[in-house]
C-alpha atoms as a PDB file:
ATOM      1  CA  UNK A   1       4.961  70.450 -44.558  1.00  0.00           C
ATOM      2  CA  UNK A   2       2.548  68.063 -46.314  1.00  0.00           C
ATOM      3  CA  UNK A   3       0.449  66.038 -43.796  1.00  0.00           C
ATOM      4  CA  UNK A   4      -1.612  64.119 -46.374  1.00  0.00           C
ATOM      5  CA  UNK A   5      -0.412  60.792 -47.729  1.00  0.00           C
ATOM      6  CA  UNK A   6      -0.932  59.808 -51.348  1.00  0.00           C
ATOM      7  CA  UNK A   7      -4.114  57.815 -52.040  1.00  0.00           C
ATOM      8  CA  UNK A   8      -3.703  54.068 -51.848  1.00  0.00           C
ATOM      9  CA  UNK A   9      -6.979  53.267 -53.611  1.00  0.00           C
ATOM     10  CA  UNK A  10      -8.889  54.042 -56.773  1.00  0.00           C
ATOM     11  CA  UNK A  11     -12.211  55.862 -56.662  1.00  0.00           C
ATOM     12  CA  UNK A  12     -15.206  53.764 -57.600  1.00  0.00           C
ATOM     13  CA  UNK A  13     -17.886  55.612 -59.512  1.00  0.00           C
ATOM     14  CA  UNK A  14     -21.326  54.082 -59.967  1.00  0.00           C
ATOM     15  CA  UNK A  15     -23.997  55.648 -62.110  1.00  0.00           C
ATOM     16  CA  UNK A  16     -27.561  54.876 -61.033  1.00  0.00           C
ATOM     17  CA  UNK A  17     -30.324  56.062 -63.292  1.00  0.00           C
ATOM     18  CA  UNK A  18     -33.563  57.078 -61.620  1.00  0.00           C
ATOM     19  CA  UNK A  19     -36.515  56.870 -63.944  1.00  0.00           C
ATOM     20  CA  UNK A  20     -39.911  58.502 -63.690  1.00  0.00           C
ATOM     21  CA  UNK A  21     -41.746  55.260 -62.903  1.00  0.00           C
ATOM     22  CA  UNK A  22     -43.769  54.470 -59.815  1.00  0.00           C
ATOM     23  CA  UNK A  23     -43.803  50.895 -58.628  1.00  0.00           C
ATOM     24  CA  UNK A  24     -46.709  50.249 -56.297  1.00  0.00           C
ATOM     25  CA  UNK A  25     -46.155  47.502 -53.762  1.00  0.00           C
ATOM     26  CA  UNK A  26     -48.939  46.048 -51.695  1.00  0.00           C
ATOM     27  CA  UNK A  27     -48.276  43.788 -48.739  1.00  0.00           C
ATOM     28  CA  UNK A  28     -51.059  41.690 -47.294  1.00  0.00           C
ATOM     29  CA  UNK A  29     -50.623  40.352 -43.809  1.00  0.00           C
ATOM     30  CA  UNK A  30     -52.591  38.078 -41.552  1.00  0.00           C
ATOM     31  CA  UNK A  31     -51.932  38.528 -37.875  1.00  0.00           C
ATOM     32  CA  UNK A  32     -50.349  35.497 -36.257  1.00  0.00           C
ATOM     33  CA  UNK A  33     -52.709  33.338 -34.165  1.00  0.00           C
ATOM     34  CA  UNK A  34     -55.737  35.347 -35.311  1.00  0.00           C
ATOM     35  CA  UNK A  35     -59.054  33.799 -36.345  1.00  0.00           C
ATOM     36  CA  UNK A  36     -58.318  34.974 -39.890  1.00  0.00           C
ATOM     37  CA  UNK A  37     -55.041  32.994 -39.897  1.00  0.00           C
ATOM     38  CA  UNK A  38     -56.757  29.874 -38.552  1.00  0.00           C
ATOM     39  CA  UNK A  39     -59.488  30.075 -41.205  1.00  0.00           C
ATOM     40  CA  UNK A  40     -56.918  30.653 -43.948  1.00  0.00           C
ATOM     41  CA  UNK A  41     -54.919  27.580 -42.877  1.00  0.00           C
ATOM     42  CA  UNK A  42     -58.100  25.475 -42.732  1.00  0.00           C
ATOM     43  CA  UNK A  43     -58.997  26.494 -46.283  1.00  0.00           C
ATOM     44  CA  UNK A  44     -55.497  25.670 -47.536  1.00  0.00           C
ATOM     45  CA  UNK A  45     -55.519  22.263 -45.841  1.00  0.00           C
ATOM     46  CA  UNK A  46     -58.939  21.478 -47.274  1.00  0.00           C
ATOM     47  CA  UNK A  47     -57.838  22.508 -50.770  1.00  0.00           C
ATOM     48  CA  UNK A  48     -54.627  20.469 -50.599  1.00  0.00           C
ATOM     49  CA  UNK A  49     -56.415  17.407 -49.223  1.00  0.00           C
ATOM     50  CA  UNK A  50     -58.821  17.517 -52.195  1.00  0.00           C
ATOM     51  CA  UNK A  51     -55.958  17.150 -54.676  1.00  0.00           C
ATOM     52  CA  UNK A  52     -55.882  13.715 -56.284  1.00  0.00           C
ATOM     53  CA  UNK A  53     -52.175  12.910 -56.361  1.00  0.00           C
ATOM     54  CA  UNK A  54     -52.709   9.233 -57.185  1.00  0.00           C
ATOM     55  CA  UNK A  55     -53.049  10.096 -60.877  1.00  0.00           C
ATOM     56  CA  UNK A  56     -49.496  11.352 -61.307  1.00  0.00           C
ATOM     57  CA  UNK A  57     -48.389   8.953 -64.007  1.00  0.00           C
ATOM     58  CA  UNK A  58     -46.715  11.329 -66.421  1.00  0.00           C
ATOM     59  CA  UNK A  59     -45.560  14.894 -66.971  1.00  0.00           C
ATOM     60  CA  UNK A  60     -49.001  16.144 -68.072  1.00  0.00           C
ATOM     61  CA  UNK A  61     -50.746  14.757 -64.982  1.00  0.00           C
ATOM     62  CA  UNK A  62     -48.082  16.276 -62.755  1.00  0.00           C
ATOM     63  CA  UNK A  63     -48.516  19.644 -64.456  1.00  0.00           C
ATOM     64  CA  UNK A  64     -52.294  19.472 -63.893  1.00  0.00           C
ATOM     65  CA  UNK A  65     -51.785  18.772 -60.165  1.00  0.00           C
ATOM     66  CA  UNK A  66     -49.330  21.680 -59.911  1.00  0.00           C
ATOM     67  CA  UNK A  67     -51.860  24.032 -61.526  1.00  0.00           C
ATOM     68  CA  UNK A  68     -54.569  22.816 -59.137  1.00  0.00           C
ATOM     69  CA  UNK A  69     -52.262  23.329 -56.160  1.00  0.00           C
ATOM     70  CA  UNK A  70     -51.382  26.834 -57.339  1.00  0.00           C
ATOM     71  CA  UNK A  71     -55.070  27.705 -57.480  1.00  0.00           C
ATOM     72  CA  UNK A  72     -55.458  26.525 -53.862  1.00  0.00           C
ATOM     73  CA  UNK A  73     -52.801  29.018 -52.761  1.00  0.00           C
ATOM     74  CA  UNK A  74     -54.056  31.838 -54.973  1.00  0.00           C
ATOM     75  CA  UNK A  75     -57.731  31.757 -54.118  1.00  0.00           C
ATOM     76  CA  UNK A  76     -58.524  29.861 -50.910  1.00  0.00           C
END
């Protein structure tokens, strides 16, 4: 007596290649409500407040402001 039923699905086969490459990931954290967080936020606010957004008259001026803003977030 056969107790197994015929398969009602098709097997899915996925090939995943694993290469010999190491990807290093570094996560930097600032503890919430710490003095370090407060100082970081102060520096960001100061940097953003120094941006002169009144000169956005064309695409080139906008691009310059965006680059300045990016530098505020990269290196406060």
